[in-house]
Amino acid sequence: MKEKSALIVDDSATARIMLARVLNSMDVAVKQSKSGEEALKFLTNYRPDLIFLDHLMPGMDGFQTLKALKSNPATRDIPVVMYTSQSALRYQEEAKALGAVGVVTKQVDREQLYLLVERIWMQHEISAASLASASVAPEPELVPAVNSNVTPLRSVRKRPAPIRPQTNPTAPITQAEPGQGQNTETPPPAGPIPALWRQRLIASLVATLALFSAYAIYSLDQQRAQIDRLAAQMEASRHVMQEVILILERYQ
């Protein structure tokens, strides 16, 4: 499975480090930029799977950088999440209207960030698969070459001559009863599935597999997080027991 990558654009080194630690724990490779101008220059040779963009920055702010990203054909398909301290509903609506796929505050916890990132990547993969299936051109029809010396393909397929009963002047003429020896319905021959339908079917299967894979990864991560919490609780309990033992030894 391809390793996911993310670009953090923030003028605060502390905010970049905190978010990078959370993303690294999710097995996401992280690159950092401290301004919008630096990020745009960096993206000329680097394409991450996700961009976290701060709003208040010197020079180009977050919205100006977001507009520049969405106006560039090379970067407009990269999902962008506004990573900011603002959480007002009006700000979120404005960010999404400019092309952001989500807004997270700088106090977001690991589980919420994990769910958001998985949802964004899942939607992005499904959209990419749908666009790929829609852009597949149908197979070109076979057109016979215009040549007077070549017989067209359709003219080769001649209809079979009807079977006529042999004429025997000495045999009595009999007329078949209606419904006997006649087949009024001829089923059409079953042809192959068109290539466009096959491509769409494959794209649907790929999207379904992506959904199941994301769910399996999420389940494994949840179990790993639960094991970490249990280990932390056991470690805390062990420290408490040691304190109790020390207290008891003092009073013996």
Protein backbone atom coordinates (compact mmCIF):
# COMPACT_ATOMS: atom_id res chain seq x y z
CA MET A 1 0.00 0.00 0.00
CA LYS A 2 1.36 3.42 -0.95
CA GLU A 3 2.49 5.57 1.97
CA LYS A 4 0.37 8.68 2.40
CA SER A 5 1.96 12.11 2.59
CA ALA A 6 0.91 15.51 3.88
CA LEU A 7 2.19 19.09 3.71
CA ILE A 8 1.76 21.37 6.74
CA VAL A 9 1.75 25.10 5.95
CA ASP A 10 2.01 27.18 9.13
CA ASP A 11 4.22 30.02 10.32
CA SER A 12 4.21 28.56 13.86
CA ALA A 13 6.93 25.95 14.32
CA THR A 14 5.19 24.63 17.45
CA ALA A 15 1.92 24.05 15.59
CA ARG A 16 3.77 22.31 12.74
CA ILE A 17 5.62 19.99 15.12
CA MET A 18 2.48 19.07 17.09
CA LEU A 19 0.49 18.22 13.98
CA ALA A 20 3.44 16.39 12.40
CA ARG A 21 3.73 14.12 15.47
CA VAL A 22 0.07 13.13 15.23
CA LEU A 23 0.33 12.47 11.49
CA ASN A 24 3.55 10.47 11.92
CA SER A 25 1.75 8.24 14.43
CA MET A 26 -0.76 7.55 11.63
CA ASP A 27 2.11 6.47 9.29
CA VAL A 28 1.83 9.66 7.22
CA ALA A 29 5.00 11.20 5.78
CA VAL A 30 5.05 14.92 6.58
CA LYS A 31 6.67 17.91 4.87
CA GLN A 32 6.54 21.44 6.29
CA SER A 33 6.38 24.99 4.94
CA LYS A 34 6.30 28.18 7.01
CA SER A 35 4.46 30.44 4.53
CA GLY A 36 2.05 30.32 1.63
CA GLU A 37 4.66 31.54 -0.84
CA GLU A 38 7.10 28.85 0.26
CA ALA A 39 4.39 26.18 -0.03
CA LEU A 40 3.46 27.20 -3.59
CA LYS A 41 7.11 27.10 -4.62
CA PHE A 42 7.61 23.75 -2.90
CA LEU A 43 4.57 22.23 -4.63
CA THR A 44 6.09 22.74 -8.07
CA ASN A 45 8.21 19.61 -7.47
CA TYR A 46 6.21 17.82 -4.76
CA ARG A 47 2.65 16.51 -4.70
CA PRO A 48 1.31 15.46 -1.28
CA ASP A 49 -1.91 13.55 -0.69
CA LEU A 50 -3.20 16.21 1.73
CA ILE A 51 -2.42 19.81 2.71
CA PHE A 52 -2.99 21.37 6.14
CA LEU A 53 -3.14 25.15 5.74
CA ASP A 54 -3.03 27.76 8.49
CA HIS A 55 -5.12 30.91 8.11
CA LEU A 56 -3.18 33.74 9.78
CA MET A 57 0.29 33.89 8.24
CA PRO A 58 2.58 36.73 7.20
CA GLY A 59 2.45 37.52 3.49
CA MET A 60 -0.19 35.36 1.85
CA ASP A 61 -2.81 34.27 4.37
CA GLY A 62 -4.57 30.93 4.31
CA PHE A 63 -7.46 31.95 2.07
CA GLN A 64 -5.17 33.62 -0.47
CA THR A 65 -2.99 30.51 -0.56
CA LEU A 66 -6.09 28.32 -0.92
CA LYS A 67 -7.29 30.37 -3.90
CA ALA A 68 -3.86 30.04 -5.54
CA LEU A 69 -3.88 26.27 -5.01
CA LYS A 70 -7.34 25.81 -6.48
CA SER A 71 -6.61 28.04 -9.48
CA ASN A 72 -3.54 25.99 -10.45
CA PRO A 73 -4.39 22.84 -12.50
CA ALA A 74 -1.38 21.05 -10.98
CA THR A 75 -2.59 21.49 -7.37
CA ARG A 76 -6.35 22.04 -7.52
CA ASP A 77 -7.12 18.32 -6.99
CA ILE A 78 -5.11 18.06 -3.75
CA PRO A 79 -7.47 18.05 -0.71
CA VAL A 80 -6.86 21.04 1.57
CA VAL A 81 -7.81 21.22 5.27
CA MET A 82 -7.72 24.58 7.04
CA TYR A 83 -5.71 24.09 10.26
CA THR A 84 -6.52 27.12 12.38
CA SER A 85 -7.57 28.35 15.79
CA GLN A 86 -10.83 29.74 14.38
CA SER A 87 -13.92 27.55 14.71
CA ALA A 88 -16.78 29.90 13.77
CA LEU A 89 -19.43 28.45 11.49
CA ARG A 90 -19.16 31.38 9.09
CA TYR A 91 -15.42 30.79 8.74
CA GLN A 92 -15.97 27.10 8.00
CA GLU A 93 -18.56 27.91 5.31
CA GLU A 94 -16.23 30.44 3.68
CA ALA A 95 -13.33 27.99 3.70
CA LYS A 96 -15.41 25.24 2.08
CA ALA A 97 -16.75 27.70 -0.48
CA LEU A 98 -13.15 28.41 -1.53
CA GLY A 99 -12.43 24.71 -1.97
CA ALA A 100 -11.32 23.40 1.44
CA VAL A 101 -12.57 19.90 2.28
CA GLY A 102 -12.63 20.55 6.02
CA VAL A 103 -11.63 22.77 8.93
CA VAL A 104 -9.91 21.51 12.09
CA THR A 105 -8.85 23.49 15.11
CA LYS A 106 -5.36 23.32 16.54
CA GLN A 107 -6.75 21.58 19.64
CA VAL A 108 -8.06 18.58 17.67
CA ASP A 109 -7.30 15.18 19.22
CA ARG A 110 -5.75 12.23 17.45
CA GLU A 111 -8.92 10.13 16.98
CA GLN A 112 -10.91 13.01 15.45
CA LEU A 113 -8.04 13.87 13.12
CA TYR A 114 -7.68 10.22 12.09
CA LEU A 115 -11.37 9.95 11.20
CA LEU A 116 -11.25 13.21 9.23
CA VAL A 117 -8.15 12.21 7.26
CA GLU A 118 -9.51 8.73 6.43
CA ARG A 119 -12.83 10.22 5.28
CA ILE A 120 -11.09 12.77 3.04
CA TRP A 121 -8.79 10.19 1.45
CA MET A 122 -11.64 7.74 0.94
CA GLN A 123 -13.80 10.38 -0.79
CA HIS A 124 -10.83 11.49 -2.89
CA GLU A 125 -10.08 7.93 -4.06
CA ILE A 126 -13.73 7.28 -4.91
CA SER A 127 -13.93 10.54 -6.88
CA ALA A 128 -10.73 9.71 -8.74
CA ALA A 129 -12.03 6.22 -9.60
CA SER A 130 -15.33 7.67 -10.83
CA LEU A 131 -13.55 10.23 -13.01
CA ALA A 132 -11.28 7.55 -14.43
CA SER A 133 -14.24 5.35 -15.38
CA ALA A 134 -16.14 8.26 -16.91
CA SER A 135 -13.15 9.36 -18.97
CA VAL A 136 -12.70 5.97 -20.63
CA ALA A 137 -13.62 6.34 -24.29
CA PRO A 138 -15.78 3.62 -25.88
CA GLU A 139 -14.18 1.31 -28.35
CA PRO A 140 -14.28 2.70 -31.91
CA GLU A 141 -16.64 1.00 -34.31
CA LEU A 142 -15.16 -0.89 -37.20
CA VAL A 143 -15.61 1.18 -40.34
CA PRO A 144 -14.94 -0.59 -43.61
CA ALA A 145 -12.30 1.04 -45.79
CA VAL A 146 -13.56 2.85 -48.84
CA ASN A 147 -12.22 0.76 -51.68
CA SER A 148 -14.08 -0.21 -54.79
CA ASN A 149 -12.13 -3.47 -55.00
CA VAL A 150 -13.02 -4.55 -51.46
CA THR A 151 -16.42 -5.94 -50.68
CA PRO A 152 -17.97 -4.29 -47.59
CA LEU A 153 -18.30 -6.43 -44.48
CA ARG A 154 -22.06 -6.25 -44.44
CA SER A 155 -22.36 -7.47 -48.03
CA VAL A 156 -20.46 -10.65 -47.14
CA ARG A 157 -23.07 -11.69 -44.60
CA LYS A 158 -25.77 -12.91 -46.95
CA ARG A 159 -29.06 -14.10 -45.71
CA PRO A 160 -29.58 -17.82 -46.14
CA ALA A 161 -31.95 -18.71 -48.94
CA PRO A 162 -35.34 -19.80 -47.69
CA ILE A 163 -35.99 -23.51 -47.82
CA ARG A 164 -38.68 -24.21 -50.34
CA PRO A 165 -40.47 -27.50 -50.55
CA GLN A 166 -39.69 -29.62 -53.55
CA THR A 167 -42.33 -29.47 -56.24
CA ASN A 168 -43.64 -32.84 -57.22
CA PRO A 169 -46.56 -32.73 -59.59
CA THR A 170 -47.57 -36.29 -58.69
CA ALA A 171 -47.58 -35.74 -54.90
CA PRO A 172 -50.71 -34.42 -53.25
CA ILE A 173 -50.56 -30.86 -52.04
CA THR A 174 -50.87 -30.66 -48.24
CA GLN A 175 -51.12 -27.47 -46.23
CA ALA A 176 -49.50 -27.32 -42.83
CA GLU A 177 -51.74 -26.53 -39.93
CA PRO A 178 -51.20 -23.24 -38.20
CA GLY A 179 -48.73 -23.47 -35.33
CA GLN A 180 -47.00 -26.61 -36.55
CA GLY A 181 -43.33 -26.52 -37.52
CA GLN A 182 -43.18 -22.72 -37.16
CA ASN A 183 -41.02 -20.66 -34.81
CA THR A 184 -42.27 -17.11 -34.67
CA GLU A 185 -39.76 -15.83 -32.05
CA THR A 186 -36.01 -15.88 -32.50
CA PRO A 187 -34.00 -14.87 -29.42
CA PRO A 188 -31.27 -12.32 -30.14
CA PRO A 189 -27.72 -13.59 -29.82
CA ALA A 190 -25.99 -12.73 -26.59
CA GLY A 191 -23.13 -10.34 -27.28
CA PRO A 192 -20.12 -9.39 -25.10
CA ILE A 193 -20.42 -6.73 -22.40
CA PRO A 194 -19.40 -3.29 -23.80
CA ALA A 195 -15.95 -2.08 -22.79
CA LEU A 196 -17.33 1.03 -21.07
CA TRP A 197 -19.53 -1.10 -18.81
CA ARG A 198 -16.56 -3.29 -17.97
CA GLN A 199 -14.50 -0.25 -17.01
CA ARG A 200 -17.27 1.08 -14.81
CA LEU A 201 -17.69 -2.30 -13.14
CA ILE A 202 -13.96 -2.49 -12.44
CA ALA A 203 -13.98 1.07 -11.04
CA SER A 204 -16.89 0.17 -8.74
CA LEU A 205 -15.05 -2.91 -7.50
CA VAL A 206 -11.90 -0.86 -6.86
CA ALA A 207 -13.89 1.71 -4.89
CA THR A 208 -15.55 -1.04 -2.84
CA LEU A 209 -12.18 -2.61 -2.07
CA ALA A 210 -10.85 0.80 -1.03
CA LEU A 211 -13.76 1.21 1.39
CA PHE A 212 -13.19 -2.21 2.95
CA SER A 213 -9.44 -1.56 3.21
CA ALA A 214 -9.97 1.79 4.93
CA TYR A 215 -12.41 0.21 7.37
CA ALA A 216 -9.98 -2.60 8.14
CA ILE A 217 -7.15 -0.12 8.73
CA TYR A 218 -9.39 1.95 10.97
CA SER A 219 -10.39 -1.14 13.00
CA LEU A 220 -6.77 -2.19 13.45
CA ASP A 221 -5.80 1.30 14.51
CA GLN A 222 -8.64 1.43 17.02
CA GLN A 223 -7.52 -1.87 18.50
CA ARG A 224 -3.93 -0.64 18.67
CA ALA A 225 -5.07 2.55 20.41
CA GLN A 226 -7.09 0.52 22.90
CA ILE A 227 -4.06 -1.68 23.63
CA ASP A 228 -1.95 1.45 24.20
CA ARG A 229 -4.54 2.82 26.62
CA LEU A 230 -4.66 -0.46 28.52
CA ALA A 231 -0.88 -0.55 28.71
CA ALA A 232 -0.85 3.02 30.07
CA GLN A 233 -3.47 2.10 32.67
CA MET A 234 -1.48 -0.95 33.74
CA GLU A 235 1.66 1.15 34.05
CA ALA A 236 -0.21 3.69 36.18
CA SER A 237 -1.60 0.90 38.36
CA ARG A 238 1.89 -0.50 38.80
CA HIS A 239 3.16 2.89 40.01
CA VAL A 240 0.28 3.12 42.47
CA MET A 241 1.03 -0.36 43.82
CA GLN A 242 4.67 0.57 44.28
CA GLU A 243 3.67 3.67 46.24
CA VAL A 244 1.34 1.58 48.41
CA ILE A 245 4.08 -0.98 49.06
CA LEU A 246 6.54 1.77 50.04
CA ILE A 247 3.99 3.30 52.43
CA LEU A 248 3.32 -0.09 54.04
CA GLU A 249 7.04 -0.78 54.44
CA ARG A 250 7.51 2.54 56.24
CA TYR A 251 4.88 1.73 58.83
CA GLN A 252 6.03 -1.84 59.51
